[in-house]
Amino acid sequence: MARNSPDRPCVVLGVAGGSGSGKSWLAKKIADAFPGRTAVLCHDWYYRHNGHLDRARSRRFNFDHPSALETALLCRQLDELMAGRAVDAPVYDYATHSRRQDTRRVEPRPLIILDGILVLCEKSLRERMSMSAFIETPDDIRLLRRVRRDCAERRVDLEETLRMYERFVRPMHKRYVEPSARHATWIWSQLEDPTFPGLLIKNLKRRLGGKASA
């Protein structure tokens, strides 16, 4: 098992951008380039438990506001990983708005990727990052991707996806997500620059040492 230590500190990469911008795609591409050397932590895993809310209250809940996430728990678990200790990250059920009883085991690795729309909004997370990338993707493309993802992966129907986008996702993107780009090491215009992922992988290779997979 790869372990982190003060003599061989890990690299923490933040990957931010709006919902549907391609954060998970970029995180996976990087992880595939460094097999066995990457741990991914998704901010979405740390939504607060809301299974107790009735339907009317859950429809008013803003899942795109920073307060919806238990960032302090993410910070504690990130610190554990950086110290070389495995963590049991939470699992969130988007259909029931609840945190499940089972957890996902995350092992320490030399490269840790923080993936989430709000990771650059949180100073406590930024302070733990070695570098970060913000993905710029047009609003219409992001909405199309969110619709496909919600229907296929999260058991959320089309009408609910569109309601949440109009009432919460878009205004919170303008208020919190988009302005957080100023904290990023790099801003990637996804549709205009296909070379960025490769350049980022090369940068990480230099920091981590060894070879990245093709």
N, C-alpha and C. Protein backbone atom coordinates (compact mmCIF):
# COMPACT_ATOMS: atom_id res chain seq x y z
N MET A 1 0.84 -1.20 0.00
CA MET A 1 0.00 0.00 0.00
C MET A 1 0.88 1.25 0.00
N ALA A 2 0.58 2.21 -0.86
CA ALA A 2 1.30 3.47 -0.85
C ALA A 2 0.84 4.30 0.34
N ARG A 3 1.82 4.75 1.13
CA ARG A 3 1.48 5.53 2.31
C ARG A 3 2.17 6.89 2.20
N ASN A 4 1.54 7.87 2.85
CA ASN A 4 2.09 9.21 2.82
C ASN A 4 2.80 9.50 4.12
N SER A 5 3.82 10.32 4.06
CA SER A 5 4.60 10.65 5.25
C SER A 5 5.22 12.02 5.05
N PRO A 6 5.71 12.66 6.12
CA PRO A 6 6.37 13.96 5.96
C PRO A 6 7.55 13.89 4.99
N ASP A 7 8.21 12.72 4.91
CA ASP A 7 9.35 12.57 4.00
C ASP A 7 8.90 12.44 2.55
N ARG A 8 7.66 11.98 2.35
CA ARG A 8 7.13 11.83 1.00
C ARG A 8 5.69 12.32 1.00
N PRO A 9 5.49 13.66 1.06
CA PRO A 9 4.13 14.20 1.16
C PRO A 9 3.33 13.91 -0.09
N CYS A 10 2.02 13.83 0.08
CA CYS A 10 1.15 13.57 -1.06
C CYS A 10 0.84 14.88 -1.78
N VAL A 11 0.31 14.75 -2.97
CA VAL A 11 -0.16 15.89 -3.76
C VAL A 11 -1.68 15.89 -3.70
N VAL A 12 -2.27 17.03 -3.34
CA VAL A 12 -3.72 17.16 -3.27
C VAL A 12 -4.16 18.09 -4.39
N LEU A 13 -4.96 17.55 -5.30
CA LEU A 13 -5.46 18.30 -6.46
C LEU A 13 -6.94 18.57 -6.31
N GLY A 14 -7.34 19.83 -6.32
CA GLY A 14 -8.75 20.18 -6.32
C GLY A 14 -9.27 20.30 -7.74
N VAL A 15 -10.43 19.71 -8.01
CA VAL A 15 -11.07 19.80 -9.32
C VAL A 15 -12.47 20.36 -9.12
N ALA A 16 -12.68 21.58 -9.59
CA ALA A 16 -13.95 22.27 -9.38
C ALA A 16 -14.57 22.66 -10.72
N GLY A 17 -15.79 23.18 -10.64
CA GLY A 17 -16.54 23.58 -11.83
C GLY A 17 -18.01 23.34 -11.57
N GLY A 18 -18.85 23.85 -12.44
CA GLY A 18 -20.29 23.70 -12.26
C GLY A 18 -20.76 22.27 -12.41
N SER A 19 -21.99 22.02 -11.99
CA SER A 19 -22.59 20.70 -12.13
C SER A 19 -22.65 20.32 -13.61
N GLY A 20 -22.04 19.17 -13.95
CA GLY A 20 -22.02 18.72 -15.33
C GLY A 20 -20.86 19.28 -16.14
N SER A 21 -19.88 19.88 -15.48
CA SER A 21 -18.77 20.49 -16.21
C SER A 21 -17.73 19.47 -16.66
N GLY A 22 -17.72 18.29 -16.03
CA GLY A 22 -16.73 17.28 -16.40
C GLY A 22 -15.72 16.99 -15.33
N LYS A 23 -16.03 17.33 -14.09
CA LYS A 23 -15.10 17.12 -12.98
C LYS A 23 -14.78 15.63 -12.78
N SER A 24 -15.81 14.82 -12.74
CA SER A 24 -15.61 13.38 -12.52
C SER A 24 -14.84 12.75 -13.68
N TRP A 25 -15.12 13.23 -14.90
CA TRP A 25 -14.39 12.73 -16.07
C TRP A 25 -12.90 13.04 -15.94
N LEU A 26 -12.57 14.28 -15.55
CA LEU A 26 -11.17 14.66 -15.42
C LEU A 26 -10.51 13.88 -14.28
N ALA A 27 -11.21 13.74 -13.17
CA ALA A 27 -10.65 12.99 -12.04
C ALA A 27 -10.35 11.55 -12.44
N LYS A 28 -11.26 10.94 -13.20
CA LYS A 28 -11.05 9.55 -13.63
C LYS A 28 -9.89 9.45 -14.61
N LYS A 29 -9.78 10.42 -15.51
CA LYS A 29 -8.69 10.39 -16.48
C LYS A 29 -7.34 10.47 -15.76
N ILE A 30 -7.27 11.31 -14.76
CA ILE A 30 -6.03 11.43 -13.99
C ILE A 30 -5.76 10.16 -13.20
N ALA A 31 -6.79 9.64 -12.54
CA ALA A 31 -6.62 8.40 -11.77
C ALA A 31 -6.17 7.25 -12.65
N ASP A 32 -6.71 7.18 -13.87
CA ASP A 32 -6.31 6.12 -14.80
C ASP A 32 -4.85 6.27 -15.22
N ALA A 33 -4.36 7.51 -15.21
CA ALA A 33 -2.97 7.75 -15.59
C ALA A 33 -2.00 7.37 -14.49
N PHE A 34 -2.51 7.29 -13.25
CA PHE A 34 -1.67 6.92 -12.11
C PHE A 34 -2.32 5.76 -11.35
N PRO A 35 -2.45 4.61 -11.97
CA PRO A 35 -3.15 3.48 -11.33
C PRO A 35 -2.47 3.06 -10.03
N GLY A 36 -3.29 2.88 -9.00
CA GLY A 36 -2.78 2.47 -7.70
C GLY A 36 -2.12 3.58 -6.92
N ARG A 37 -2.10 4.77 -7.48
CA ARG A 37 -1.41 5.88 -6.81
C ARG A 37 -2.35 7.05 -6.53
N THR A 38 -3.65 6.86 -6.79
CA THR A 38 -4.61 7.96 -6.69
C THR A 38 -5.80 7.59 -5.80
N ALA A 39 -6.18 8.51 -4.94
CA ALA A 39 -7.41 8.41 -4.17
C ALA A 39 -8.30 9.59 -4.56
N VAL A 40 -9.58 9.34 -4.73
CA VAL A 40 -10.53 10.39 -5.09
C VAL A 40 -11.53 10.58 -3.96
N LEU A 41 -11.70 11.83 -3.53
CA LEU A 41 -12.72 12.19 -2.55
C LEU A 41 -13.69 13.15 -3.24
N CYS A 42 -14.97 12.79 -3.27
CA CYS A 42 -15.99 13.64 -3.88
C CYS A 42 -16.73 14.41 -2.79
N HIS A 43 -16.79 15.72 -2.95
CA HIS A 43 -17.50 16.55 -1.98
C HIS A 43 -18.96 16.11 -1.86
N ASP A 44 -19.53 15.63 -2.97
CA ASP A 44 -20.94 15.18 -2.98
C ASP A 44 -21.19 14.06 -1.96
N TRP A 45 -20.19 13.27 -1.64
CA TRP A 45 -20.37 12.19 -0.68
C TRP A 45 -20.73 12.72 0.70
N TYR A 46 -20.42 13.99 0.94
CA TYR A 46 -20.51 14.56 2.29
C TYR A 46 -21.75 15.43 2.49
N TYR A 47 -22.78 15.22 1.65
CA TYR A 47 -24.05 15.88 1.92
C TYR A 47 -24.56 15.46 3.30
N ARG A 48 -25.12 16.41 3.99
CA ARG A 48 -25.70 16.10 5.31
C ARG A 48 -26.90 15.19 5.15
N HIS A 49 -27.16 14.38 6.17
CA HIS A 49 -28.29 13.46 6.13
C HIS A 49 -29.59 14.26 6.17
N ASN A 50 -30.45 14.04 5.17
CA ASN A 50 -31.73 14.74 5.09
C ASN A 50 -32.89 13.77 4.90
N GLY A 51 -32.67 12.50 5.26
CA GLY A 51 -33.72 11.51 5.11
C GLY A 51 -34.93 11.76 5.99
N HIS A 52 -34.78 12.59 7.01
CA HIS A 52 -35.89 12.87 7.93
C HIS A 52 -36.86 13.92 7.37
N LEU A 53 -36.47 14.60 6.30
CA LEU A 53 -37.32 15.65 5.74
C LEU A 53 -38.49 15.05 4.97
N ASP A 54 -39.67 15.64 5.13
CA ASP A 54 -40.80 15.19 4.32
C ASP A 54 -40.64 15.74 2.90
N ARG A 55 -41.51 15.32 2.00
CA ARG A 55 -41.35 15.68 0.59
C ARG A 55 -41.38 17.20 0.38
N ALA A 56 -42.30 17.88 1.09
CA ALA A 56 -42.43 19.32 0.90
C ALA A 56 -41.15 20.04 1.34
N ARG A 57 -40.58 19.64 2.48
CA ARG A 57 -39.37 20.28 2.98
C ARG A 57 -38.16 19.91 2.13
N SER A 58 -38.10 18.67 1.66
CA SER A 58 -36.96 18.28 0.85
C SER A 58 -36.93 19.02 -0.48
N ARG A 59 -38.11 19.37 -1.00
CA ARG A 59 -38.17 20.12 -2.26
C ARG A 59 -37.66 21.55 -2.09
N ARG A 60 -37.65 22.06 -0.86
CA ARG A 60 -37.16 23.42 -0.60
C ARG A 60 -35.69 23.43 -0.21
N PHE A 61 -35.11 22.25 -0.03
CA PHE A 61 -33.73 22.18 0.45
C PHE A 61 -32.75 22.51 -0.67
N ASN A 62 -31.80 23.37 -0.38
CA ASN A 62 -30.83 23.83 -1.38
C ASN A 62 -29.56 23.00 -1.29
N PHE A 63 -29.42 22.02 -2.18
CA PHE A 63 -28.26 21.14 -2.16
C PHE A 63 -27.02 21.77 -2.80
N ASP A 64 -27.16 22.97 -3.35
CA ASP A 64 -26.03 23.63 -4.00
C ASP A 64 -25.45 24.75 -3.15
N HIS A 65 -25.93 24.87 -1.91
CA HIS A 65 -25.38 25.86 -0.98
C HIS A 65 -24.28 25.21 -0.14
N PRO A 66 -23.21 25.91 0.19
CA PRO A 66 -22.13 25.31 0.97
C PRO A 66 -22.58 24.67 2.29
N SER A 67 -23.63 25.19 2.90
CA SER A 67 -24.09 24.65 4.18
C SER A 67 -24.71 23.26 4.05
N ALA A 68 -25.02 22.84 2.82
CA ALA A 68 -25.62 21.51 2.62
C ALA A 68 -24.61 20.39 2.80
N LEU A 69 -23.33 20.74 2.83
CA LEU A 69 -22.27 19.74 2.87
C LEU A 69 -21.52 19.78 4.19
N GLU A 70 -21.14 18.59 4.67
CA GLU A 70 -20.38 18.49 5.92
C GLU A 70 -18.88 18.57 5.59
N THR A 71 -18.45 19.77 5.25
CA THR A 71 -17.07 19.98 4.82
C THR A 71 -16.08 19.70 5.93
N ALA A 72 -16.47 19.93 7.17
CA ALA A 72 -15.56 19.67 8.29
C ALA A 72 -15.18 18.19 8.35
N LEU A 73 -16.14 17.31 8.07
CA LEU A 73 -15.85 15.87 8.04
C LEU A 73 -14.90 15.54 6.89
N LEU A 74 -15.13 16.14 5.73
CA LEU A 74 -14.23 15.93 4.61
C LEU A 74 -12.81 16.37 4.96
N CYS A 75 -12.68 17.50 5.62
CA CYS A 75 -11.34 17.97 6.02
C CYS A 75 -10.68 16.99 6.97
N ARG A 76 -11.43 16.47 7.93
CA ARG A 76 -10.84 15.51 8.87
C ARG A 76 -10.38 14.25 8.15
N GLN A 77 -11.21 13.76 7.23
CA GLN A 77 -10.83 12.54 6.52
C GLN A 77 -9.69 12.81 5.54
N LEU A 78 -9.66 13.97 4.95
CA LEU A 78 -8.53 14.33 4.09
C LEU A 78 -7.24 14.37 4.89
N ASP A 79 -7.30 14.93 6.09
CA ASP A 79 -6.11 14.97 6.95
C ASP A 79 -5.63 13.56 7.28
N GLU A 80 -6.56 12.65 7.51
CA GLU A 80 -6.19 11.26 7.80
C GLU A 80 -5.48 10.65 6.60
N LEU A 81 -6.02 10.85 5.41
CA LEU A 81 -5.39 10.31 4.21
C LEU A 81 -4.00 10.91 4.00
N MET A 82 -3.87 12.20 4.24
CA MET A 82 -2.57 12.86 4.07
C MET A 82 -1.55 12.34 5.08
N ALA A 83 -2.05 11.85 6.20
CA ALA A 83 -1.17 11.29 7.22
C ALA A 83 -0.90 9.80 7.00
N GLY A 84 -1.49 9.23 5.94
CA GLY A 84 -1.23 7.83 5.61
C GLY A 84 -2.20 6.84 6.21
N ARG A 85 -3.37 7.32 6.64
CA ARG A 85 -4.36 6.43 7.27
C ARG A 85 -5.63 6.36 6.41
N ALA A 86 -6.17 5.16 6.23
CA ALA A 86 -7.39 4.96 5.45
C ALA A 86 -8.59 5.55 6.17
N VAL A 87 -9.63 5.89 5.40
CA VAL A 87 -10.85 6.44 5.98
C VAL A 87 -12.06 5.71 5.40
N ASP A 88 -13.17 5.80 6.11
CA ASP A 88 -14.46 5.28 5.64
C ASP A 88 -15.34 6.46 5.28
N ALA A 89 -15.39 6.78 4.02
CA ALA A 89 -16.14 7.93 3.54
C ALA A 89 -17.62 7.61 3.47
N PRO A 90 -18.47 8.62 3.67
CA PRO A 90 -19.91 8.38 3.62
C PRO A 90 -20.42 8.09 2.21
N VAL A 91 -21.60 7.47 2.16
CA VAL A 91 -22.28 7.19 0.88
C VAL A 91 -23.64 7.88 0.94
N TYR A 92 -23.95 8.69 -0.07
CA TYR A 92 -25.19 9.45 -0.07
C TYR A 92 -26.16 8.90 -1.11
N ASP A 93 -27.43 8.78 -0.72
CA ASP A 93 -28.49 8.32 -1.62
C ASP A 93 -29.28 9.54 -2.09
N TYR A 94 -29.11 9.91 -3.37
CA TYR A 94 -29.74 11.12 -3.89
C TYR A 94 -31.25 10.98 -4.03
N ALA A 95 -31.73 9.77 -4.19
CA ALA A 95 -33.18 9.57 -4.34
C ALA A 95 -33.93 9.81 -3.04
N THR A 96 -33.31 9.45 -1.91
CA THR A 96 -33.96 9.61 -0.61
C THR A 96 -33.38 10.76 0.20
N HIS A 97 -32.39 11.45 -0.34
CA HIS A 97 -31.73 12.57 0.35
C HIS A 97 -31.16 12.15 1.70
N SER A 98 -30.64 10.94 1.76
CA SER A 98 -30.16 10.43 3.04
C SER A 98 -28.75 9.85 2.92
N ARG A 99 -28.03 9.88 4.03
CA ARG A 99 -26.72 9.25 4.09
C ARG A 99 -26.92 7.80 4.51
N ARG A 100 -26.42 6.89 3.69
CA ARG A 100 -26.62 5.47 3.94
C ARG A 100 -25.75 4.97 5.08
N GLN A 101 -26.12 3.82 5.63
CA GLN A 101 -25.37 3.26 6.75
C GLN A 101 -24.03 2.68 6.31
N ASP A 102 -23.97 2.16 5.07
CA ASP A 102 -22.70 1.62 4.59
C ASP A 102 -21.78 2.77 4.18
N THR A 103 -20.49 2.48 4.15
CA THR A 103 -19.48 3.48 3.81
C THR A 103 -18.59 2.95 2.70
N ARG A 104 -17.73 3.81 2.15
CA ARG A 104 -16.75 3.39 1.15
C ARG A 104 -15.35 3.59 1.72
N ARG A 105 -14.54 2.55 1.61
CA ARG A 105 -13.17 2.60 2.12
C ARG A 105 -12.28 3.34 1.13
N VAL A 106 -11.54 4.31 1.60
CA VAL A 106 -10.60 5.05 0.78
C VAL A 106 -9.22 4.91 1.40
N GLU A 107 -8.28 4.41 0.62
CA GLU A 107 -6.92 4.18 1.10
C GLU A 107 -6.03 5.39 0.78
N PRO A 108 -5.02 5.63 1.60
CA PRO A 108 -4.09 6.75 1.31
C PRO A 108 -3.27 6.47 0.06
N ARG A 109 -3.07 7.50 -0.72
CA ARG A 109 -2.30 7.39 -1.95
C ARG A 109 -1.45 8.66 -2.13
N PRO A 110 -0.42 8.59 -2.95
CA PRO A 110 0.42 9.78 -3.16
C PRO A 110 -0.32 10.95 -3.80
N LEU A 111 -1.36 10.65 -4.59
CA LEU A 111 -2.17 11.69 -5.22
C LEU A 111 -3.59 11.59 -4.71
N ILE A 112 -4.11 12.69 -4.17
CA ILE A 112 -5.49 12.75 -3.70
C ILE A 112 -6.22 13.82 -4.52
N ILE A 113 -7.35 13.44 -5.11
CA ILE A 113 -8.14 14.37 -5.91
C ILE A 113 -9.41 14.73 -5.14
N LEU A 114 -9.65 16.03 -4.95
CA LEU A 114 -10.88 16.53 -4.35
C LEU A 114 -11.78 17.02 -5.47
N ASP A 115 -12.93 16.39 -5.64
CA ASP A 115 -13.84 16.67 -6.75
C ASP A 115 -15.13 17.25 -6.19
N GLY A 116 -15.51 18.45 -6.68
CA GLY A 116 -16.79 19.00 -6.22
C GLY A 116 -17.01 20.41 -6.72
N ILE A 117 -18.28 20.80 -6.85
CA ILE A 117 -18.60 22.12 -7.36
C ILE A 117 -18.13 23.22 -6.41
N LEU A 118 -18.06 22.92 -5.11
CA LEU A 118 -17.79 23.95 -4.11
C LEU A 118 -16.43 23.80 -3.43
N VAL A 119 -15.56 22.93 -3.92
CA VAL A 119 -14.30 22.70 -3.18
C VAL A 119 -13.42 23.95 -3.15
N LEU A 120 -13.53 24.81 -4.16
CA LEU A 120 -12.73 26.04 -4.16
C LEU A 120 -13.40 27.17 -3.41
N CYS A 121 -14.66 26.98 -2.99
CA CYS A 121 -15.35 27.98 -2.17
C CYS A 121 -14.91 27.91 -0.72
N GLU A 122 -14.41 26.74 -0.32
CA GLU A 122 -14.10 26.49 1.08
C GLU A 122 -12.62 26.73 1.35
N LYS A 123 -12.32 27.73 2.17
CA LYS A 123 -10.93 28.05 2.50
C LYS A 123 -10.24 26.87 3.16
N SER A 124 -10.98 26.14 4.01
CA SER A 124 -10.39 25.00 4.71
C SER A 124 -9.91 23.93 3.74
N LEU A 125 -10.59 23.77 2.61
CA LEU A 125 -10.15 22.81 1.60
C LEU A 125 -9.02 23.38 0.76
N ARG A 126 -9.15 24.65 0.38
CA ARG A 126 -8.09 25.27 -0.44
C ARG A 126 -6.74 25.21 0.27
N GLU A 127 -6.75 25.40 1.58
CA GLU A 127 -5.50 25.39 2.34
C GLU A 127 -4.81 24.03 2.30
N ARG A 128 -5.56 22.98 2.01
CA ARG A 128 -4.99 21.63 1.97
C ARG A 128 -4.58 21.21 0.55
N MET A 129 -4.89 22.03 -0.44
CA MET A 129 -4.60 21.67 -1.83
C MET A 129 -3.18 22.06 -2.22
N SER A 130 -2.58 21.22 -3.04
CA SER A 130 -1.29 21.55 -3.65
C SER A 130 -1.51 22.39 -4.91
N MET A 131 -2.60 22.12 -5.62
CA MET A 131 -2.95 22.81 -6.85
C MET A 131 -4.42 22.56 -7.13
N SER A 132 -4.96 23.29 -8.10
CA SER A 132 -6.39 23.11 -8.39
C SER A 132 -6.68 23.52 -9.82
N ALA A 133 -7.77 22.95 -10.35
CA ALA A 133 -8.24 23.28 -11.70
C ALA A 133 -9.74 23.55 -11.64
N PHE A 134 -10.16 24.61 -12.31
CA PHE A 134 -11.58 24.94 -12.45
C PHE A 134 -11.96 24.73 -13.91
N ILE A 135 -13.02 23.95 -14.14
CA ILE A 135 -13.45 23.62 -15.50
C ILE A 135 -14.57 24.56 -15.93
N GLU A 136 -14.33 25.29 -16.99
CA GLU A 136 -15.36 26.15 -17.58
C GLU A 136 -16.05 25.41 -18.72
N THR A 137 -17.37 25.25 -18.60
CA THR A 137 -18.17 24.58 -19.62
C THR A 137 -19.46 25.37 -19.80
N PRO A 138 -19.94 25.60 -21.03
CA PRO A 138 -21.15 26.38 -21.25
C PRO A 138 -22.35 25.82 -20.48
N ASP A 139 -23.23 26.73 -20.07
CA ASP A 139 -24.39 26.36 -19.25
C ASP A 139 -25.25 25.29 -19.91
N ASP A 140 -25.50 25.42 -21.22
CA ASP A 140 -26.40 24.47 -21.87
C ASP A 140 -25.80 23.07 -21.91
N ILE A 141 -24.50 22.97 -22.11
CA ILE A 141 -23.84 21.67 -22.10
C ILE A 141 -23.91 21.05 -20.72
N ARG A 142 -23.68 21.85 -19.70
CA ARG A 142 -23.74 21.33 -18.33
C ARG A 142 -25.14 20.84 -17.97
N LEU A 143 -26.15 21.58 -18.40
CA LEU A 143 -27.53 21.16 -18.11
C LEU A 143 -27.85 19.84 -18.80
N LEU A 144 -27.47 19.69 -20.06
CA LEU A 144 -27.73 18.44 -20.77
C LEU A 144 -27.05 17.26 -20.05
N ARG A 145 -25.84 17.45 -19.63
CA ARG A 145 -25.12 16.39 -18.94
C ARG A 145 -25.77 16.05 -17.60
N ARG A 146 -26.25 17.08 -16.90
CA ARG A 146 -26.90 16.84 -15.61
C ARG A 146 -28.20 16.04 -15.79
N VAL A 147 -28.96 16.38 -16.81
CA VAL A 147 -30.21 15.65 -17.08
C VAL A 147 -29.91 14.18 -17.31
N ARG A 148 -28.92 13.90 -18.16
CA ARG A 148 -28.57 12.51 -18.46
C ARG A 148 -28.10 11.78 -17.20
N ARG A 149 -27.25 12.43 -16.43
CA ARG A 149 -26.72 11.80 -15.22
C ARG A 149 -27.81 11.53 -14.20
N ASP A 150 -28.66 12.52 -13.94
CA ASP A 150 -29.70 12.36 -12.92
C ASP A 150 -30.65 11.23 -13.28
N CYS A 151 -31.04 11.15 -14.54
CA CYS A 151 -31.98 10.10 -14.96
C CYS A 151 -31.33 8.73 -14.92
N ALA A 152 -30.07 8.64 -15.35
CA ALA A 152 -29.41 7.34 -15.48
C ALA A 152 -28.79 6.83 -14.19
N GLU A 153 -28.26 7.74 -13.36
CA GLU A 153 -27.47 7.31 -12.21
C GLU A 153 -28.09 7.63 -10.86
N ARG A 154 -28.91 8.67 -10.78
CA ARG A 154 -29.36 9.13 -9.47
C ARG A 154 -30.85 8.95 -9.23
N ARG A 155 -31.55 8.32 -10.18
CA ARG A 155 -32.98 8.04 -10.03
C ARG A 155 -33.81 9.30 -9.78
N VAL A 156 -33.41 10.39 -10.43
CA VAL A 156 -34.13 11.66 -10.32
C VAL A 156 -34.80 11.93 -11.67
N ASP A 157 -36.12 12.18 -11.67
CA ASP A 157 -36.81 12.35 -12.95
C ASP A 157 -36.53 13.72 -13.57
N LEU A 158 -36.88 13.85 -14.84
CA LEU A 158 -36.54 15.04 -15.61
C LEU A 158 -37.14 16.30 -15.01
N GLU A 159 -38.40 16.26 -14.64
CA GLU A 159 -39.06 17.45 -14.11
C GLU A 159 -38.38 17.95 -12.84
N GLU A 160 -37.98 17.02 -11.97
CA GLU A 160 -37.31 17.41 -10.74
C GLU A 160 -35.92 17.98 -11.02
N THR A 161 -35.22 17.40 -11.98
CA THR A 161 -33.90 17.92 -12.36
C THR A 161 -34.01 19.36 -12.86
N LEU A 162 -35.00 19.62 -13.72
CA LEU A 162 -35.17 20.96 -14.27
C LEU A 162 -35.61 21.95 -13.19
N ARG A 163 -36.48 21.51 -12.28
CA ARG A 163 -36.91 22.39 -11.18
C ARG A 163 -35.72 22.78 -10.32
N MET A 164 -34.91 21.81 -9.96
CA MET A 164 -33.76 22.09 -9.10
C MET A 164 -32.74 22.97 -9.82
N TYR A 165 -32.59 22.74 -11.11
CA TYR A 165 -31.63 23.56 -11.87
C TYR A 165 -32.07 25.03 -11.86
N GLU A 166 -33.35 25.25 -12.12
CA GLU A 166 -33.85 26.62 -12.21
C GLU A 166 -33.84 27.33 -10.85
N ARG A 167 -34.24 26.58 -9.81
CA ARG A 167 -34.40 27.22 -8.50
C ARG A 167 -33.10 27.29 -7.71
N PHE A 168 -32.25 26.28 -7.84
CA PHE A 168 -31.05 26.21 -6.99
C PHE A 168 -29.74 26.18 -7.76
N VAL A 169 -29.63 25.27 -8.72
CA VAL A 169 -28.32 25.02 -9.35
C VAL A 169 -27.79 26.26 -10.04
N ARG A 170 -28.59 26.85 -10.91
CA ARG A 170 -28.11 28.01 -11.66
C ARG A 170 -27.81 29.21 -10.76
N PRO A 171 -28.72 29.61 -9.84
CA PRO A 171 -28.39 30.77 -8.99
C PRO A 171 -27.20 30.53 -8.08
N MET A 172 -27.04 29.30 -7.56
CA MET A 172 -25.89 29.02 -6.70
C MET A 172 -24.59 28.96 -7.50
N HIS A 173 -24.71 28.55 -8.77
CA HIS A 173 -23.53 28.56 -9.63
C HIS A 173 -23.03 30.00 -9.79
N LYS A 174 -23.96 30.92 -10.02
CA LYS A 174 -23.59 32.32 -10.19
C LYS A 174 -23.07 32.93 -8.88
N ARG A 175 -23.64 32.49 -7.77
CA ARG A 175 -23.29 33.11 -6.48
C ARG A 175 -22.00 32.54 -5.89
N TYR A 176 -21.81 31.22 -6.01
CA TYR A 176 -20.68 30.58 -5.34
C TYR A 176 -19.68 29.92 -6.28
N VAL A 177 -20.18 29.10 -7.20
CA VAL A 177 -19.27 28.26 -7.98
C VAL A 177 -18.43 29.08 -8.95
N GLU A 178 -19.09 29.87 -9.78
CA GLU A 178 -18.37 30.64 -10.79
C GLU A 178 -17.34 31.59 -10.17
N PRO A 179 -17.68 32.34 -9.11
CA PRO A 179 -16.67 33.22 -8.51
C PRO A 179 -15.48 32.48 -7.91
N SER A 180 -15.67 31.21 -7.54
CA SER A 180 -14.56 30.47 -6.91
C SER A 180 -13.44 30.16 -7.88
N ALA A 181 -13.67 30.36 -9.17
CA ALA A 181 -12.64 30.10 -10.17
C ALA A 181 -11.39 30.95 -9.93
N ARG A 182 -11.57 32.10 -9.27
CA ARG A 182 -10.42 32.97 -9.04
C ARG A 182 -9.37 32.34 -8.13
N HIS A 183 -9.78 31.30 -7.39
CA HIS A 183 -8.84 30.63 -6.49
C HIS A 183 -8.07 29.51 -7.17
N ALA A 184 -8.44 29.18 -8.40
CA ALA A 184 -7.86 28.01 -9.07
C ALA A 184 -6.45 28.28 -9.58
N THR A 185 -5.63 27.24 -9.57
CA THR A 185 -4.31 27.33 -10.19
C THR A 185 -4.46 27.49 -11.70
N TRP A 186 -5.40 26.72 -12.28
CA TRP A 186 -5.68 26.80 -13.71
C TRP A 186 -7.18 26.86 -13.93
N ILE A 187 -7.59 27.61 -14.96
CA ILE A 187 -8.98 27.60 -15.43
C ILE A 187 -8.96 26.96 -16.81
N TRP A 188 -9.68 25.84 -16.94
CA TRP A 188 -9.69 25.08 -18.19
C TRP A 188 -10.98 25.33 -18.94
N SER A 189 -10.90 25.95 -20.11
CA SER A 189 -12.05 26.08 -21.00
C SER A 189 -12.19 24.77 -21.75
N GLN A 190 -13.07 23.91 -21.28
CA GLN A 190 -13.09 22.52 -21.70
C GLN A 190 -13.30 22.34 -23.20
N LEU A 191 -14.22 23.09 -23.79
CA LEU A 191 -14.54 22.89 -25.20
C LEU A 191 -13.52 23.53 -26.13
N GLU A 192 -12.65 24.36 -25.58
CA GLU A 192 -11.70 25.09 -26.42
C GLU A 192 -10.29 24.53 -26.36
N ASP A 193 -9.96 23.79 -25.32
CA ASP A 193 -8.57 23.35 -25.14
C ASP A 193 -8.51 21.87 -24.79
N PRO A 194 -8.43 20.99 -25.79
CA PRO A 194 -8.37 19.55 -25.52
C PRO A 194 -7.03 19.09 -24.96
N THR A 195 -6.04 19.96 -24.92
CA THR A 195 -4.70 19.55 -24.49
C THR A 195 -4.51 19.61 -22.98
N PHE A 196 -5.42 20.31 -22.28
CA PHE A 196 -5.20 20.55 -20.85
C PHE A 196 -5.03 19.28 -20.02
N PRO A 197 -5.89 18.26 -20.16
CA PRO A 197 -5.72 17.06 -19.33
C PRO A 197 -4.33 16.45 -19.45
N GLY A 198 -3.81 16.38 -20.67
CA GLY A 198 -2.49 15.82 -20.86
C GLY A 198 -1.40 16.65 -20.20
N LEU A 199 -1.53 17.96 -20.30
CA LEU A 199 -0.55 18.84 -19.66
C LEU A 199 -0.61 18.73 -18.14
N LEU A 200 -1.83 18.60 -17.61
CA LEU A 200 -1.98 18.44 -16.16
C LEU A 200 -1.35 17.13 -15.69
N ILE A 201 -1.55 16.07 -16.44
CA ILE A 201 -0.97 14.78 -16.09
C ILE A 201 0.56 14.86 -16.11
N LYS A 202 1.11 15.56 -17.07
CA LYS A 202 2.57 15.73 -17.12
C LYS A 202 3.07 16.51 -15.91
N ASN A 203 2.33 17.53 -15.50
CA ASN A 203 2.70 18.30 -14.32
C ASN A 203 2.69 17.42 -13.07
N LEU A 204 1.64 16.61 -12.95
CA LEU A 204 1.53 15.71 -11.80
C LEU A 204 2.65 14.67 -11.81
N LYS A 205 3.00 14.21 -12.99
CA LYS A 205 4.09 13.24 -13.11
C LYS A 205 5.38 13.81 -12.55
N ARG A 206 5.67 15.06 -12.86
CA ARG A 206 6.88 15.70 -12.34
C ARG A 206 6.84 15.81 -10.83
N ARG A 207 5.66 16.12 -10.28
CA ARG A 207 5.55 16.26 -8.84
C ARG A 207 5.61 14.92 -8.11
N LEU A 208 5.02 13.91 -8.72
CA LEU A 208 4.94 12.61 -8.06
C LEU A 208 6.16 11.75 -8.31
N GLY A 209 6.83 11.98 -9.42
CA GLY A 209 7.93 11.11 -9.80
C GLY A 209 7.39 9.83 -10.44
N GLY A 210 8.23 9.06 -11.10
CA GLY A 210 7.79 7.85 -11.75
C GLY A 210 7.07 8.15 -13.04
N LYS A 211 6.39 7.16 -13.58
CA LYS A 211 5.75 7.28 -14.88
C LYS A 211 4.24 7.25 -14.75
N ALA A 212 3.60 8.01 -15.61
CA ALA A 212 2.14 7.95 -15.73
C ALA A 212 1.79 7.02 -16.87
N SER A 213 0.66 6.35 -16.77
CA SER A 213 0.21 5.48 -17.85
C SER A 213 -0.21 6.32 -19.04
N ALA A 214 -0.15 5.76 -20.22
CA ALA A 214 -0.55 6.49 -21.42
C ALA A 214 -2.06 6.71 -21.43
